[in-house]
Amino acid sequence: MRTTDGKLFVIAGASRSGKTAWTVKQVRRSRRVIVWDPEDQWAQLPGFRRITNAAELVQAVASIQGPAKLAYVAGGKLGAAFNHWARCAMYWGRYVGPCAVVAEELADVSTPGKAPDQWGLLIRRGLKRGMDIYAISQRWAEADKTAVGNASRFVVFRVNGDDVDYLARKTRIPVETIEGLRPLQYVEKDAETGEVSKVKRLRF
């Protein structure tokens, strides 16, 4: 069976380095987007529907067949809410149609071990169903290794301290390249070919 696979983008960078702005640009043309939005950023963007409870999210993914952009701003126990969101994202992408999936601040809801169960399923099975997944974290040393191990592409913005060495080790991007990044600068690594891009600057 031939399929059009999606891609898993692992996006790293310190606070306010450009991670979210880069991702917004990538999904701008996507007709269907579902976002784990703990900072209530995406929900403020034009065209996004703000969802704040589990039942409303279930209703949305079960009923919306066409274009939609959903931002889940959860409260309470974030770990359980994130697992619920990942389950809903998988359902929407698998049974309704391909979509872009964005997960913000993964270090808040995962650990350096194996990915939480529903997020792990989404990473491992969503790509072959045409879902593009954008996994974002300030500190990947504190987030799950499943995303890093399955990445199609790494996008690295400015990071600090020990994160430089960690990302260089995991991505094989040279330490000096990562150390030299300034705010809004980034470098990309294709995990399949090993190609590392020139340093780029995010433009709005």
C-alpha atoms as a PDB file:
ATOM      1  CA  MET A   1       0.000   0.000   0.000  1.00  0.00           C
ATOM      2  CA  ARG A   2       1.410   3.403  -0.996  1.00  0.00           C
ATOM      3  CA  THR A   3       0.853   6.333   1.336  1.00  0.00           C
ATOM      4  CA  THR A   4       1.834   9.990   1.442  1.00  0.00           C
ATOM      5  CA  ASP A   5       3.669  10.191   4.731  1.00  0.00           C
ATOM      6  CA  GLY A   6       3.708  13.239   6.952  1.00  0.00           C
ATOM      7  CA  LYS A   7       6.774  14.682   8.638  1.00  0.00           C
ATOM      8  CA  LEU A   8       7.727  15.120  12.281  1.00  0.00           C
ATOM      9  CA  PHE A   9       9.421  18.441  12.973  1.00  0.00           C
ATOM     10  CA  VAL A  10      11.317  18.671  16.273  1.00  0.00           C
ATOM     11  CA  ILE A  11      11.663  22.369  17.077  1.00  0.00           C
ATOM     12  CA  ALA A  12      14.000  23.616  19.809  1.00  0.00           C
ATOM     13  CA  GLY A  13      14.865  27.023  21.196  1.00  0.00           C
ATOM     14  CA  ALA A  14      14.936  29.216  24.271  1.00  0.00           C
ATOM     15  CA  SER A  15      11.975  31.385  25.222  1.00  0.00           C
ATOM     16  CA  ARG A  16      11.185  34.031  22.593  1.00  0.00           C
ATOM     17  CA  SER A  17      13.738  32.667  20.144  1.00  0.00           C
ATOM     18  CA  GLY A  18      11.211  32.235  17.312  1.00  0.00           C
ATOM     19  CA  LYS A  19       9.906  28.655  17.628  1.00  0.00           C
ATOM     20  CA  THR A  20       6.191  29.398  17.615  1.00  0.00           C
ATOM     21  CA  ALA A  21       6.434  32.132  14.989  1.00  0.00           C
ATOM     22  CA  TRP A  22       8.281  29.731  12.656  1.00  0.00           C
ATOM     23  CA  THR A  23       5.643  27.050  13.181  1.00  0.00           C
ATOM     24  CA  VAL A  24       2.783  29.486  12.570  1.00  0.00           C
ATOM     25  CA  LYS A  25       4.327  30.254   9.188  1.00  0.00           C
ATOM     26  CA  GLN A  26       4.617  26.551   8.334  1.00  0.00           C
ATOM     27  CA  VAL A  27       0.955  25.757   8.992  1.00  0.00           C
ATOM     28  CA  ARG A  28      -0.476  28.969   7.549  1.00  0.00           C
ATOM     29  CA  ARG A  29      -1.670  27.216   4.399  1.00  0.00           C
ATOM     30  CA  SER A  30      -2.926  24.113   6.187  1.00  0.00           C
ATOM     31  CA  ARG A  31      -6.688  23.689   5.982  1.00  0.00           C
ATOM     32  CA  ARG A  32      -6.912  21.649   9.170  1.00  0.00           C
ATOM     33  CA  VAL A  33      -4.781  22.280  12.265  1.00  0.00           C
ATOM     34  CA  ILE A  34      -5.074  21.052  15.852  1.00  0.00           C
ATOM     35  CA  VAL A  35      -2.858  22.611  18.539  1.00  0.00           C
ATOM     36  CA  TRP A  36      -1.920  21.802  22.134  1.00  0.00           C
ATOM     37  CA  ASP A  37      -1.882  25.425  23.296  1.00  0.00           C
ATOM     38  CA  PRO A  38      -1.050  25.681  27.023  1.00  0.00           C
ATOM     39  CA  GLU A  39       0.031  29.331  26.776  1.00  0.00           C
ATOM     40  CA  ASP A  40      -3.158  30.409  24.961  1.00  0.00           C
ATOM     41  CA  GLN A  41      -1.115  31.812  22.056  1.00  0.00           C
ATOM     42  CA  TRP A  42      -2.537  30.031  19.045  1.00  0.00           C
ATOM     43  CA  ALA A  43      -6.100  30.584  20.195  1.00  0.00           C
ATOM     44  CA  GLN A  44      -5.539  34.318  19.760  1.00  0.00           C
ATOM     45  CA  LEU A  45      -4.567  33.987  16.089  1.00  0.00           C
ATOM     46  CA  PRO A  46      -7.103  34.789  13.350  1.00  0.00           C
ATOM     47  CA  GLY A  47      -9.036  31.735  12.205  1.00  0.00           C
ATOM     48  CA  PHE A  48      -8.412  29.584  15.280  1.00  0.00           C
ATOM     49  CA  ARG A  49     -11.199  28.276  17.488  1.00  0.00           C
ATOM     50  CA  ARG A  50     -10.383  28.333  21.210  1.00  0.00           C
ATOM     51  CA  ILE A  51     -11.423  25.132  23.017  1.00  0.00           C
ATOM     52  CA  THR A  52     -11.123  24.877  26.794  1.00  0.00           C
ATOM     53  CA  ASN A  53     -12.706  21.598  27.895  1.00  0.00           C
ATOM     54  CA  ALA A  54     -12.404  17.928  27.024  1.00  0.00           C
ATOM     55  CA  ALA A  55     -16.007  17.411  25.932  1.00  0.00           C
ATOM     56  CA  GLU A  56     -15.910  20.338  23.519  1.00  0.00           C
ATOM     57  CA  LEU A  57     -12.723  18.962  21.942  1.00  0.00           C
ATOM     58  CA  VAL A  58     -14.304  15.543  21.433  1.00  0.00           C
ATOM     59  CA  GLN A  59     -17.364  17.164  19.867  1.00  0.00           C
ATOM     60  CA  ALA A  60     -15.205  19.232  17.526  1.00  0.00           C
ATOM     61  CA  VAL A  61     -13.086  16.381  16.147  1.00  0.00           C
ATOM     62  CA  ALA A  62     -16.122  14.114  15.852  1.00  0.00           C
ATOM     63  CA  SER A  63     -18.250  16.593  13.933  1.00  0.00           C
ATOM     64  CA  ILE A  64     -15.947  18.806  11.860  1.00  0.00           C
ATOM     65  CA  GLN A  65     -15.291  17.182   8.495  1.00  0.00           C
ATOM     66  CA  GLY A  66     -13.929  20.155   6.595  1.00  0.00           C
ATOM     67  CA  PRO A  67     -11.364  22.903   7.212  1.00  0.00           C
ATOM     68  CA  ALA A  68     -10.884  24.022  10.814  1.00  0.00           C
ATOM     69  CA  LYS A  69      -8.156  25.277  13.126  1.00  0.00           C
ATOM     70  CA  LEU A  70      -8.527  24.169  16.734  1.00  0.00           C
ATOM     71  CA  ALA A  71      -6.463  25.380  19.705  1.00  0.00           C
ATOM     72  CA  TYR A  72      -6.918  23.424  22.941  1.00  0.00           C
ATOM     73  CA  VAL A  73      -6.256  25.615  25.981  1.00  0.00           C
ATOM     74  CA  ALA A  74      -6.495  23.133  28.823  1.00  0.00           C
ATOM     75  CA  GLY A  75      -6.569  23.678  32.545  1.00  0.00           C
ATOM     76  CA  GLY A  76      -6.226  21.353  35.525  1.00  0.00           C
ATOM     77  CA  LYS A  77      -3.865  18.384  35.326  1.00  0.00           C
ATOM     78  CA  LEU A  78      -1.898  19.039  32.165  1.00  0.00           C
ATOM     79  CA  GLY A  79      -0.631  15.479  31.764  1.00  0.00           C
ATOM     80  CA  ALA A  80      -4.123  13.992  31.526  1.00  0.00           C
ATOM     81  CA  ALA A  81      -5.349  16.852  29.349  1.00  0.00           C
ATOM     82  CA  PHE A  82      -2.414  16.416  26.960  1.00  0.00           C
ATOM     83  CA  ASN A  83      -3.085  12.695  26.632  1.00  0.00           C
ATOM     84  CA  HIS A  84      -6.726  13.463  25.835  1.00  0.00           C
ATOM     85  CA  TRP A  85      -5.712  16.054  23.239  1.00  0.00           C
ATOM     86  CA  ALA A  86      -3.289  13.614  21.577  1.00  0.00           C
ATOM     87  CA  ARG A  87      -6.022  10.957  21.386  1.00  0.00           C
ATOM     88  CA  CYS A  88      -8.377  13.477  19.749  1.00  0.00           C
ATOM     89  CA  ALA A  89      -5.700  14.648  17.311  1.00  0.00           C
ATOM     90  CA  MET A  90      -5.042  11.059  16.269  1.00  0.00           C
ATOM     91  CA  TYR A  91      -8.757  10.434  15.734  1.00  0.00           C
ATOM     92  CA  TRP A  92      -9.167  13.584  13.648  1.00  0.00           C
ATOM     93  CA  GLY A  93      -6.168  12.823  11.469  1.00  0.00           C
ATOM     94  CA  ARG A  94      -6.895   9.120  11.066  1.00  0.00           C
ATOM     95  CA  TYR A  95     -10.654   8.957  10.631  1.00  0.00           C
ATOM     96  CA  VAL A  96     -11.542  12.372   9.233  1.00  0.00           C
ATOM     97  CA  GLY A  97      -8.502  13.338   7.155  1.00  0.00           C
ATOM     98  CA  PRO A  98      -4.891  14.506   7.321  1.00  0.00           C
ATOM     99  CA  CYS A  99      -4.171  17.529   9.464  1.00  0.00           C
ATOM    100  CA  ALA A 100      -1.277  19.493  10.901  1.00  0.00           C
ATOM    101  CA  VAL A 101      -0.648  18.778  14.594  1.00  0.00           C
ATOM    102  CA  VAL A 102       1.199  21.246  16.831  1.00  0.00           C
ATOM    103  CA  ALA A 103       2.329  20.411  20.374  1.00  0.00           C
ATOM    104  CA  GLU A 104       3.742  23.318  22.383  1.00  0.00           C
ATOM    105  CA  GLU A 105       6.045  23.134  25.442  1.00  0.00           C
ATOM    106  CA  LEU A 106       6.475  19.362  25.527  1.00  0.00           C
ATOM    107  CA  ALA A 107       8.809  19.422  28.522  1.00  0.00           C
ATOM    108  CA  ASP A 108       5.751  20.378  30.620  1.00  0.00           C
ATOM    109  CA  VAL A 109       3.863  17.199  29.739  1.00  0.00           C
ATOM    110  CA  SER A 110       6.489  14.583  28.954  1.00  0.00           C
ATOM    111  CA  THR A 111       9.784  13.316  30.366  1.00  0.00           C
ATOM    112  CA  PRO A 112      13.133  12.275  28.870  1.00  0.00           C
ATOM    113  CA  GLY A 113      11.846   8.690  28.781  1.00  0.00           C
ATOM    114  CA  LYS A 114       9.300   7.144  26.448  1.00  0.00           C
ATOM    115  CA  ALA A 115       6.544   9.453  25.238  1.00  0.00           C
ATOM    116  CA  PRO A 116       3.192   9.470  27.099  1.00  0.00           C
ATOM    117  CA  ASP A 117       1.005   6.751  25.608  1.00  0.00           C
ATOM    118  CA  GLN A 118      -1.376   8.685  23.341  1.00  0.00           C
ATOM    119  CA  TRP A 119       1.321  11.142  22.251  1.00  0.00           C
ATOM    120  CA  GLY A 120       3.590   8.187  21.484  1.00  0.00           C
ATOM    121  CA  LEU A 121       0.888   6.580  19.336  1.00  0.00           C
ATOM    122  CA  LEU A 122       0.354   9.853  17.524  1.00  0.00           C
ATOM    123  CA  ILE A 123       4.066  10.147  16.720  1.00  0.00           C
ATOM    124  CA  ARG A 124       4.505   6.536  15.671  1.00  0.00           C
ATOM    125  CA  ARG A 125       1.298   6.108  13.668  1.00  0.00           C
ATOM    126  CA  GLY A 126       0.226   9.587  12.612  1.00  0.00           C
ATOM    127  CA  LEU A 127       2.963  10.186  10.053  1.00  0.00           C
ATOM    128  CA  LYS A 128       1.967   7.269   7.810  1.00  0.00           C
ATOM    129  CA  ARG A 129      -1.532   8.737   7.731  1.00  0.00           C
ATOM    130  CA  GLY A 130      -0.277  11.971   6.218  1.00  0.00           C
ATOM    131  CA  MET A 131      -0.202  14.053   9.403  1.00  0.00           C
ATOM    132  CA  ASP A 132       2.528  16.673   9.753  1.00  0.00           C
ATOM    133  CA  ILE A 133       3.487  16.950  13.431  1.00  0.00           C
ATOM    134  CA  TYR A 134       5.299  19.931  14.967  1.00  0.00           C
ATOM    135  CA  ALA A 135       6.817  19.082  18.358  1.00  0.00           C
ATOM    136  CA  ILE A 136       8.071  22.158  20.235  1.00  0.00           C
ATOM    137  CA  SER A 137      10.104  22.506  23.420  1.00  0.00           C
ATOM    138  CA  GLN A 138      12.443  24.974  25.061  1.00  0.00           C
ATOM    139  CA  ARG A 139      14.394  22.134  26.651  1.00  0.00           C
ATOM    140  CA  TRP A 140      14.527  18.839  24.781  1.00  0.00           C
ATOM    141  CA  ALA A 141      16.741  17.337  27.481  1.00  0.00           C
ATOM    142  CA  GLU A 142      13.583  17.353  29.622  1.00  0.00           C
ATOM    143  CA  ALA A 143      11.145  16.191  26.922  1.00  0.00           C
ATOM    144  CA  ASP A 144      10.465  12.774  25.416  1.00  0.00           C
ATOM    145  CA  LYS A 145      13.048  10.840  23.439  1.00  0.00           C
ATOM    146  CA  THR A 146      10.382   9.285  21.196  1.00  0.00           C
ATOM    147  CA  ALA A 147       9.898  12.533  19.283  1.00  0.00           C
ATOM    148  CA  VAL A 148      13.642  13.090  18.926  1.00  0.00           C
ATOM    149  CA  GLY A 149      14.179   9.515  17.756  1.00  0.00           C
ATOM    150  CA  ASN A 150      11.433   9.712  15.127  1.00  0.00           C
ATOM    151  CA  ALA A 151      12.150  13.221  13.831  1.00  0.00           C
ATOM    152  CA  SER A 152      12.059  13.864  10.089  1.00  0.00           C
ATOM    153  CA  ARG A 153      13.569  17.315  10.520  1.00  0.00           C
ATOM    154  CA  PHE A 154      15.187  19.277  13.339  1.00  0.00           C
ATOM    155  CA  VAL A 155      14.738  23.050  13.570  1.00  0.00           C
ATOM    156  CA  VAL A 156      17.047  24.608  16.159  1.00  0.00           C
ATOM    157  CA  PHE A 157      16.848  28.206  17.354  1.00  0.00           C
ATOM    158  CA  ARG A 158      19.056  29.894  19.955  1.00  0.00           C
ATOM    159  CA  VAL A 159      19.498  27.828  23.120  1.00  0.00           C
ATOM    160  CA  ASN A 160      21.477  28.324  26.313  1.00  0.00           C
ATOM    161  CA  GLY A 161      23.933  26.448  28.499  1.00  0.00           C
ATOM    162  CA  ASP A 162      23.834  22.659  28.519  1.00  0.00           C
ATOM    163  CA  ASP A 163      21.120  22.622  25.846  1.00  0.00           C
ATOM    164  CA  VAL A 164      23.757  23.473  23.230  1.00  0.00           C
ATOM    165  CA  ASP A 165      25.709  20.275  23.853  1.00  0.00           C
ATOM    166  CA  TYR A 166      22.555  18.170  24.209  1.00  0.00           C
ATOM    167  CA  LEU A 167      21.115  19.288  20.870  1.00  0.00           C
ATOM    168  CA  ALA A 168      24.456  18.969  19.101  1.00  0.00           C
ATOM    169  CA  ARG A 169      24.714  15.389  20.343  1.00  0.00           C
ATOM    170  CA  LYS A 170      21.165  14.449  19.366  1.00  0.00           C
ATOM    171  CA  THR A 171      20.984  16.241  16.022  1.00  0.00           C
ATOM    172  CA  ARG A 172      24.651  16.073  14.920  1.00  0.00           C
ATOM    173  CA  ILE A 173      24.495  19.777  14.114  1.00  0.00           C
ATOM    174  CA  PRO A 174      27.942  21.216  14.967  1.00  0.00           C
ATOM    175  CA  VAL A 175      28.215  22.773  18.427  1.00  0.00           C
ATOM    176  CA  GLU A 176      29.721  25.950  17.009  1.00  0.00           C
ATOM    177  CA  THR A 177      26.746  26.402  14.677  1.00  0.00           C
ATOM    178  CA  ILE A 178      24.247  26.166  17.530  1.00  0.00           C
ATOM    179  CA  GLU A 179      26.359  28.370  19.810  1.00  0.00           C
ATOM    180  CA  GLY A 180      26.482  31.068  17.160  1.00  0.00           C
ATOM    181  CA  LEU A 181      22.723  31.424  16.761  1.00  0.00           C
ATOM    182  CA  ARG A 182      21.182  34.783  17.681  1.00  0.00           C
ATOM    183  CA  PRO A 183      17.517  35.614  18.379  1.00  0.00           C
ATOM    184  CA  LEU A 184      15.312  34.669  15.407  1.00  0.00           C
ATOM    185  CA  GLN A 185      18.158  32.753  13.745  1.00  0.00           C
ATOM    186  CA  TYR A 186      17.830  29.016  13.213  1.00  0.00           C
ATOM    187  CA  VAL A 187      19.384  26.048  11.489  1.00  0.00           C
ATOM    188  CA  GLU A 188      17.653  22.970  10.050  1.00  0.00           C
ATOM    189  CA  LYS A 189      18.800  19.363   9.808  1.00  0.00           C
ATOM    190  CA  ASP A 190      17.144  16.789   7.550  1.00  0.00           C
ATOM    191  CA  ALA A 191      17.207  13.619   9.655  1.00  0.00           C
ATOM    192  CA  GLU A 192      16.827  11.404   6.591  1.00  0.00           C
ATOM    193  CA  THR A 193      19.640  12.814   4.438  1.00  0.00           C
ATOM    194  CA  GLY A 194      21.829  14.322   7.164  1.00  0.00           C
ATOM    195  CA  GLU A 195      21.894  17.661   5.348  1.00  0.00           C
ATOM    196  CA  VAL A 196      22.357  20.731   7.568  1.00  0.00           C
ATOM    197  CA  SER A 197      21.125  24.059   6.211  1.00  0.00           C
ATOM    198  CA  LYS A 198      22.899  27.373   6.379  1.00  0.00           C
ATOM    199  CA  VAL A 199      21.878  29.583   9.288  1.00  0.00           C
ATOM    200  CA  LYS A 200      18.654  31.387   8.428  1.00  0.00           C
ATOM    201  CA  ARG A 201      16.798  34.302   9.988  1.00  0.00           C
ATOM    202  CA  LEU A 202      13.069  34.195  10.639  1.00  0.00           C
ATOM    203  CA  ARG A 203      11.232  36.818   8.620  1.00  0.00           C
ATOM    204  CA  PHE A 204       7.700  37.963   9.355  1.00  0.00           C
END
